[in-house]
């Protein structure tokens, strides 16, 4: 690896199981490249990716993330966070639509997210994580942390932490990026309502091209458990439904975003989900009962895939 390579690390959405898969992907990449992902010039995350990005930018190493997943970590903050994760299904939502006006202003999944009922889940587990990792600061010391959320009234994406973005604490930005429509309530920041960035894009890769803090980035490594550039499809009835409603649209968007970033001169390398990965994950990415199985599967299969990634140096 060239010591002068400036990397952006882009972590996509994926819920509890996508997060476990992403940690295995980070471990495979770190080992193959002899690289510490915490040193990436930009660490951009969406939803579950924002959770992991916050941890990396706050000094948590990949090996510590692996130990957390395996239940062997000695870090009390990580043990508490793993035990604090949400359940398989959202609590009963509120009896009102989240943002009906979004149908007029946005398209695709972004527009449909406005029809979701108001979420009643408690995002305090994310606040506890952010505060435990940064007890004396409102934002991690890493200058390149970006947490992506979507404006719930306009459908526009915001990368909190980027130059010119609304002022926010890491706790606020993380909760906003994880605010799944119908599961968690939107998070108000600087007078605007924000929800899960995954409602607009699986990873928002294109935002790197327009980020003043990312100028000069040579390479972007994208980990996207909810996209399948190869056309892989989840087996089973539930999996096919997820493909139609989520994965196909997210994959189309990711392809367009990659082209946009490549036009700026940045090399883009993507690690996405295969049919085998989707079969292990199943139809509910929040099903914590499958977390260990997904993690061990990814830990066993991703190292070989990483060695074959085109362009990875």
Protein backbone atom coordinates (compact mmCIF):
# COMPACT_ATOMS: atom_id res chain seq x y z
CA UNK A 1 0.00 0.00 0.00
CA UNK A 2 1.23 3.47 -0.85
CA UNK A 3 1.70 5.55 2.28
CA UNK A 4 0.44 8.59 0.36
CA UNK A 5 -2.94 7.09 -0.54
CA UNK A 6 -5.76 9.20 0.90
CA UNK A 7 -8.78 7.02 1.52
CA UNK A 8 -12.42 7.63 2.22
CA UNK A 9 -14.25 4.86 4.05
CA UNK A 10 -17.98 4.78 3.28
CA UNK A 11 -20.16 2.55 5.46
CA UNK A 12 -23.70 1.90 4.23
CA UNK A 13 -26.92 1.14 6.06
CA UNK A 14 -27.94 -2.39 7.00
CA UNK A 15 -29.54 -2.65 10.42
CA UNK A 16 -28.27 -5.01 13.11
CA UNK A 17 -27.23 -7.76 10.69
CA UNK A 18 -25.72 -5.43 8.11
CA UNK A 19 -23.70 -3.88 10.91
CA UNK A 20 -22.33 -7.27 11.94
CA UNK A 21 -21.46 -8.05 8.30
CA UNK A 22 -19.74 -4.66 7.98
CA UNK A 23 -17.50 -5.32 10.98
CA UNK A 24 -16.34 -8.56 9.36
CA UNK A 25 -15.73 -6.64 6.13
CA UNK A 26 -13.65 -4.05 8.00
CA UNK A 27 -11.59 -6.83 9.58
CA UNK A 28 -10.95 -8.46 6.18
CA UNK A 29 -9.94 -5.16 4.58
CA UNK A 30 -7.73 -4.14 7.49
CA UNK A 31 -5.88 -7.46 7.42
CA UNK A 32 -5.50 -7.57 3.64
CA UNK A 33 -4.27 -3.99 3.33
CA UNK A 34 -2.37 -3.87 6.62
CA UNK A 35 -4.43 -0.74 7.22
CA UNK A 36 -6.18 0.83 10.18
CA UNK A 37 -9.60 2.14 9.01
CA UNK A 38 -9.47 4.76 11.75
CA UNK A 39 -6.81 6.54 9.66
CA UNK A 40 -9.14 7.10 6.69
CA UNK A 41 -9.26 10.76 5.71
CA UNK A 42 -13.05 10.60 5.56
CA UNK A 43 -15.21 8.17 7.53
CA UNK A 44 -18.77 8.49 6.26
CA UNK A 45 -21.59 6.38 7.63
CA UNK A 46 -25.31 5.95 7.11
CA UNK A 47 -27.60 4.43 9.76
CA UNK A 48 -25.81 1.29 11.04
CA UNK A 49 -22.79 2.56 9.10
CA UNK A 50 -23.03 5.82 11.05
CA UNK A 51 -22.96 3.84 14.29
CA UNK A 52 -19.76 2.05 13.26
CA UNK A 53 -18.27 5.22 11.78
CA UNK A 54 -18.82 6.99 15.07
CA UNK A 55 -17.05 4.20 16.91
CA UNK A 56 -14.06 4.22 14.57
CA UNK A 57 -13.80 8.02 14.65
CA UNK A 58 -13.97 7.88 18.45
CA UNK A 59 -10.91 5.62 18.60
CA UNK A 60 -12.44 2.14 18.70
CA UNK A 61 -10.29 -0.23 16.65
CA UNK A 62 -11.52 -2.89 14.23
CA UNK A 63 -10.19 -5.62 16.52
CA UNK A 64 -12.23 -4.13 19.36
CA UNK A 65 -15.34 -4.16 17.16
CA UNK A 66 -14.69 -7.82 16.36
CA UNK A 67 -14.30 -8.61 20.06
CA UNK A 68 -17.58 -6.80 20.74
CA UNK A 69 -19.37 -8.96 18.17
CA UNK A 70 -17.82 -12.12 19.62
CA UNK A 71 -18.77 -11.16 23.16
CA UNK A 72 -15.15 -11.12 24.35
CA UNK A 73 -14.53 -7.37 24.66
CA UNK A 74 -13.29 -6.05 27.97
CA UNK A 75 -14.48 -2.53 27.13
CA UNK A 76 -17.51 -1.83 29.33
CA UNK A 77 -18.82 0.72 26.82
CA UNK A 78 -18.87 -1.83 24.02
CA UNK A 79 -20.40 -4.56 26.19
CA UNK A 80 -23.14 -2.17 27.20
CA UNK A 81 -23.75 -1.10 23.62
CA UNK A 82 -24.09 -4.65 22.33
CA UNK A 83 -26.60 -5.43 25.08
CA UNK A 84 -28.42 -2.17 24.33
CA UNK A 85 -29.24 -2.94 20.68
CA UNK A 86 -32.87 -2.69 19.51
CA UNK A 87 -35.18 -5.66 19.18
CA UNK A 88 -36.41 -7.51 16.10
CA UNK A 89 -39.52 -5.40 15.54
CA UNK A 90 -40.45 -1.76 16.12
CA UNK A 91 -42.77 -0.77 18.95
CA UNK A 92 -46.33 0.18 18.06
CA UNK A 93 -46.06 3.37 15.99
CA UNK A 94 -48.03 6.55 16.47
CA UNK A 95 -51.31 6.89 14.58
CA UNK A 96 -50.19 9.60 12.17
CA UNK A 97 -48.16 9.80 9.00
CA UNK A 98 -44.58 10.95 9.35
CA UNK A 99 -44.32 13.47 6.50
CA UNK A 100 -47.12 13.38 3.90
CA UNK A 101 -45.67 16.41 2.09
CA UNK A 102 -42.55 14.40 1.25
CA UNK A 103 -44.55 12.66 -1.50
CA UNK A 104 -44.60 15.94 -3.43
CA UNK A 105 -40.96 16.79 -2.91
CA UNK A 106 -39.05 13.51 -3.16
CA UNK A 107 -38.97 10.38 -5.27
CA UNK A 108 -38.80 6.62 -4.78
CA UNK A 109 -38.09 5.26 -1.31
CA UNK A 110 -37.47 8.79 -0.01
CA UNK A 111 -41.02 9.80 -0.90
CA UNK A 112 -42.57 6.60 0.45
CA UNK A 113 -40.82 7.06 3.79
CA UNK A 114 -43.11 10.04 4.37
CA UNK A 115 -46.08 7.64 4.51
CA UNK A 116 -44.58 5.66 7.39
CA UNK A 117 -46.38 6.25 10.71
CA UNK A 118 -44.57 8.20 13.36
CA UNK A 119 -42.04 5.96 15.06
CA UNK A 120 -42.19 5.53 18.83
CA UNK A 121 -38.90 3.71 19.42
CA UNK A 122 -36.42 5.09 21.94
CA UNK A 123 -33.07 6.08 20.35
CA UNK A 124 -31.43 6.63 23.74
CA UNK A 125 -29.16 3.60 23.15
CA UNK A 126 -27.40 5.61 20.43
CA UNK A 127 -27.13 8.65 22.66
CA UNK A 128 -25.55 6.51 25.37
CA UNK A 129 -23.01 5.18 22.89
CA UNK A 130 -22.04 8.62 21.58
CA UNK A 131 -21.72 10.11 25.06
CA UNK A 132 -19.76 7.18 26.46
CA UNK A 133 -17.23 7.41 23.62
CA UNK A 134 -16.97 11.22 23.74
CA UNK A 135 -17.72 12.23 27.34
CA UNK A 136 -15.96 15.59 27.13
CA UNK A 137 -16.62 16.58 23.53
CA UNK A 138 -19.67 17.16 21.35
CA UNK A 139 -17.92 15.61 18.32
CA UNK A 140 -15.11 13.04 17.94
CA UNK A 141 -11.63 14.40 17.30
CA UNK A 142 -11.47 12.79 13.85
CA UNK A 143 -11.96 15.71 11.41
CA UNK A 144 -13.41 13.54 8.64
CA UNK A 145 -16.42 11.94 10.36
CA UNK A 146 -19.61 12.35 8.33
CA UNK A 147 -23.00 11.03 9.49
CA UNK A 148 -25.67 11.04 6.77
CA UNK A 149 -29.34 11.73 7.44
CA UNK A 150 -32.29 12.84 5.30
CA UNK A 151 -34.34 15.99 5.80
CA UNK A 152 -37.80 14.60 6.50
CA UNK A 153 -39.62 17.47 4.82
CA UNK A 154 -37.53 17.95 1.67
CA UNK A 155 -35.83 14.59 1.06
CA UNK A 156 -32.42 16.27 0.88
CA UNK A 157 -29.42 14.46 2.34
CA UNK A 158 -27.15 16.06 4.91
CA UNK A 159 -23.72 14.78 5.92
CA UNK A 160 -23.36 16.07 9.46
CA UNK A 161 -19.75 16.92 10.20
CA UNK A 162 -19.04 18.13 6.66
CA UNK A 163 -18.14 21.78 6.12
CA UNK A 164 -21.31 23.84 5.84
CA UNK A 165 -23.59 21.23 7.42
CA UNK A 166 -25.98 22.26 10.22
CA UNK A 167 -24.35 22.33 13.66
CA UNK A 168 -25.04 19.12 15.58
CA UNK A 169 -23.54 17.00 18.30
CA UNK A 170 -22.42 13.49 17.40
CA UNK A 171 -25.27 12.16 19.54
CA UNK A 172 -27.87 14.14 17.59
CA UNK A 173 -26.37 13.28 14.20
CA UNK A 174 -26.09 9.58 15.02
CA UNK A 175 -29.68 9.37 16.22
CA UNK A 176 -30.83 11.19 13.08
CA UNK A 177 -28.90 8.88 10.78
CA UNK A 178 -30.43 5.82 12.51
CA UNK A 179 -34.02 7.19 12.70
CA UNK A 180 -35.72 4.45 10.66
CA UNK A 181 -39.14 5.71 9.48
CA UNK A 182 -41.91 4.03 11.43
CA UNK A 183 -39.44 2.78 14.05
CA UNK A 184 -37.84 5.88 15.56
CA UNK A 185 -39.13 9.46 15.60
CA UNK A 186 -37.37 12.04 13.45
CA UNK A 187 -34.63 14.02 15.18
CA UNK A 188 -34.85 17.80 15.18
CA UNK A 189 -31.56 19.57 14.48
CA UNK A 190 -31.24 23.31 13.90
CA UNK A 191 -34.99 23.60 13.35
CA UNK A 192 -35.25 20.77 10.77
CA UNK A 193 -36.47 17.17 11.13
CA UNK A 194 -34.13 14.38 10.04
CA UNK A 195 -34.52 10.63 9.57
CA UNK A 196 -32.40 7.64 8.58
CA UNK A 197 -30.10 8.51 5.67
CA UNK A 198 -30.86 5.08 4.22
CA UNK A 199 -34.29 6.38 3.23
CA UNK A 200 -32.50 8.40 0.54
CA UNK A 201 -29.45 6.28 -0.30
CA UNK A 202 -27.77 3.13 0.93
CA UNK A 203 -24.40 4.89 1.34
CA UNK A 204 -24.53 8.38 -0.27
CA UNK A 205 -21.20 7.74 -2.00
CA UNK A 206 -21.62 10.77 -4.25
CA UNK A 207 -21.50 13.20 -1.32
CA UNK A 208 -17.77 12.53 -1.07
CA UNK A 209 -17.23 14.23 -4.45
CA UNK A 210 -18.78 17.48 -3.23
CA UNK A 211 -17.30 17.48 0.28
CA UNK A 212 -14.67 20.24 0.65
CA UNK A 213 -12.98 18.18 3.34
CA UNK A 214 -12.56 15.26 0.94
CA UNK A 215 -10.60 17.09 -1.72
CA UNK A 216 -7.56 15.06 -2.71
CA UNK A 217 -9.03 11.70 -1.69
CA UNK A 218 -7.57 9.09 -4.06
CA UNK A 219 -9.70 6.10 -3.18
CA UNK A 220 -13.08 5.39 -1.64
CA UNK A 221 -13.74 1.99 -0.08
CA UNK A 222 -17.48 1.39 0.13
CA UNK A 223 -19.01 -1.32 2.34
CA UNK A 224 -22.65 -1.75 1.33
CA UNK A 225 -24.51 -4.73 2.83
CA UNK A 226 -27.85 -3.56 1.41
CA UNK A 227 -26.65 -3.35 -2.19
CA UNK A 228 -25.76 -6.08 -4.68
CA UNK A 229 -23.97 -4.72 -7.76
CA UNK A 230 -23.64 -8.29 -9.05
CA UNK A 231 -27.42 -8.63 -9.20
CA UNK A 232 -27.52 -11.11 -6.31
CA UNK A 233 -31.00 -11.80 -4.99
CA UNK A 234 -32.16 -12.94 -1.60
CA UNK A 235 -33.76 -16.39 -1.68
CA UNK A 236 -37.27 -16.99 -0.38
CA UNK A 237 -40.51 -15.03 -0.52
CA UNK A 238 -39.50 -12.40 2.03
CA UNK A 239 -36.15 -11.95 0.38
CA UNK A 240 -37.72 -11.36 -3.04
CA UNK A 241 -39.99 -8.72 -1.54
CA UNK A 242 -37.02 -6.97 0.01
CA UNK A 243 -35.24 -7.10 -3.35
CA UNK A 244 -38.12 -5.36 -5.08
CA UNK A 245 -38.77 -2.73 -2.45
CA UNK A 246 -35.29 -1.94 -1.18
CA UNK A 247 -32.24 -3.67 -2.58
CA UNK A 248 -32.82 -3.08 -6.29
CA UNK A 249 -33.50 0.61 -5.82
CA UNK A 250 -30.55 1.04 -3.48
CA UNK A 251 -28.29 -0.77 -5.92
CA UNK A 252 -29.39 1.43 -8.84
CA UNK A 253 -28.73 4.50 -6.75
CA UNK A 254 -25.32 3.22 -5.68
CA UNK A 255 -24.27 2.63 -9.29
CA UNK A 256 -25.14 6.22 -10.20
CA UNK A 257 -23.35 7.57 -7.14
CA UNK A 258 -20.22 5.59 -7.94
CA UNK A 259 -20.11 7.08 -11.44
CA UNK A 260 -20.48 10.56 -9.99
CA UNK A 261 -17.56 10.05 -7.60
CA UNK A 262 -15.39 8.40 -10.25
CA UNK A 263 -15.85 11.44 -12.50
CA UNK A 264 -14.12 13.49 -9.80
CA UNK A 265 -11.04 11.28 -10.20
CA UNK A 266 -11.56 9.10 -7.13
CA UNK A 267 -11.13 5.34 -7.46
CA UNK A 268 -14.12 3.51 -5.97
CA UNK A 269 -13.97 -0.04 -4.57
CA UNK A 270 -17.17 -1.68 -3.37
CA UNK A 271 -17.73 -4.65 -1.09
CA UNK A 272 -21.41 -5.62 -1.31
CA UNK A 273 -23.66 -8.56 -0.47
CA UNK A 274 -23.71 -11.85 -2.38
CA UNK A 275 -26.57 -14.34 -2.65
CA UNK A 276 -24.93 -16.41 0.09
CA UNK A 277 -24.73 -13.36 2.37
CA UNK A 278 -28.40 -12.55 1.76
CA UNK A 279 -29.44 -16.13 2.51
CA UNK A 280 -27.72 -15.98 5.90
CA UNK A 281 -29.12 -12.53 6.73
CA UNK A 282 -32.72 -13.46 5.96
CA UNK A 283 -35.58 -11.03 5.45
CA UNK A 284 -35.32 -9.04 8.70
CA UNK A 285 -32.07 -7.12 9.05
CA UNK A 286 -32.98 -6.21 12.62
CA UNK A 287 -33.24 -9.85 13.75
CA UNK A 288 -30.56 -9.90 16.44
CA UNK A 289 -30.99 -13.66 16.85
CA UNK A 290 -29.07 -14.13 13.58
CA UNK A 291 -26.29 -11.67 14.41
CA UNK A 292 -23.67 -14.22 15.45
CA UNK A 293 -24.42 -16.48 12.47
CA UNK A 294 -24.16 -13.57 10.03
CA UNK A 295 -20.94 -12.36 11.61
CA UNK A 296 -19.24 -15.75 11.58
CA UNK A 297 -20.35 -16.39 7.98
CA UNK A 298 -18.94 -13.03 6.88
CA UNK A 299 -15.73 -13.52 8.86
CA UNK A 300 -15.19 -16.85 7.07
CA UNK A 301 -16.07 -15.76 3.52
CA UNK A 302 -15.08 -12.11 3.12
CA UNK A 303 -11.26 -12.49 3.36
CA UNK A 304 -11.19 -14.42 0.07
CA UNK A 305 -13.54 -11.94 -1.61
CA UNK A 306 -11.40 -9.01 -0.51
CA UNK A 307 -8.34 -10.49 -2.23
CA UNK A 308 -10.23 -10.44 -5.55
CA UNK A 309 -11.58 -6.89 -5.38
CA UNK A 310 -10.59 -5.04 -8.53
CA UNK A 311 -8.48 -1.96 -7.88
CA UNK A 312 -7.78 -2.70 -4.22
CA UNK A 313 -4.14 -2.04 -3.39
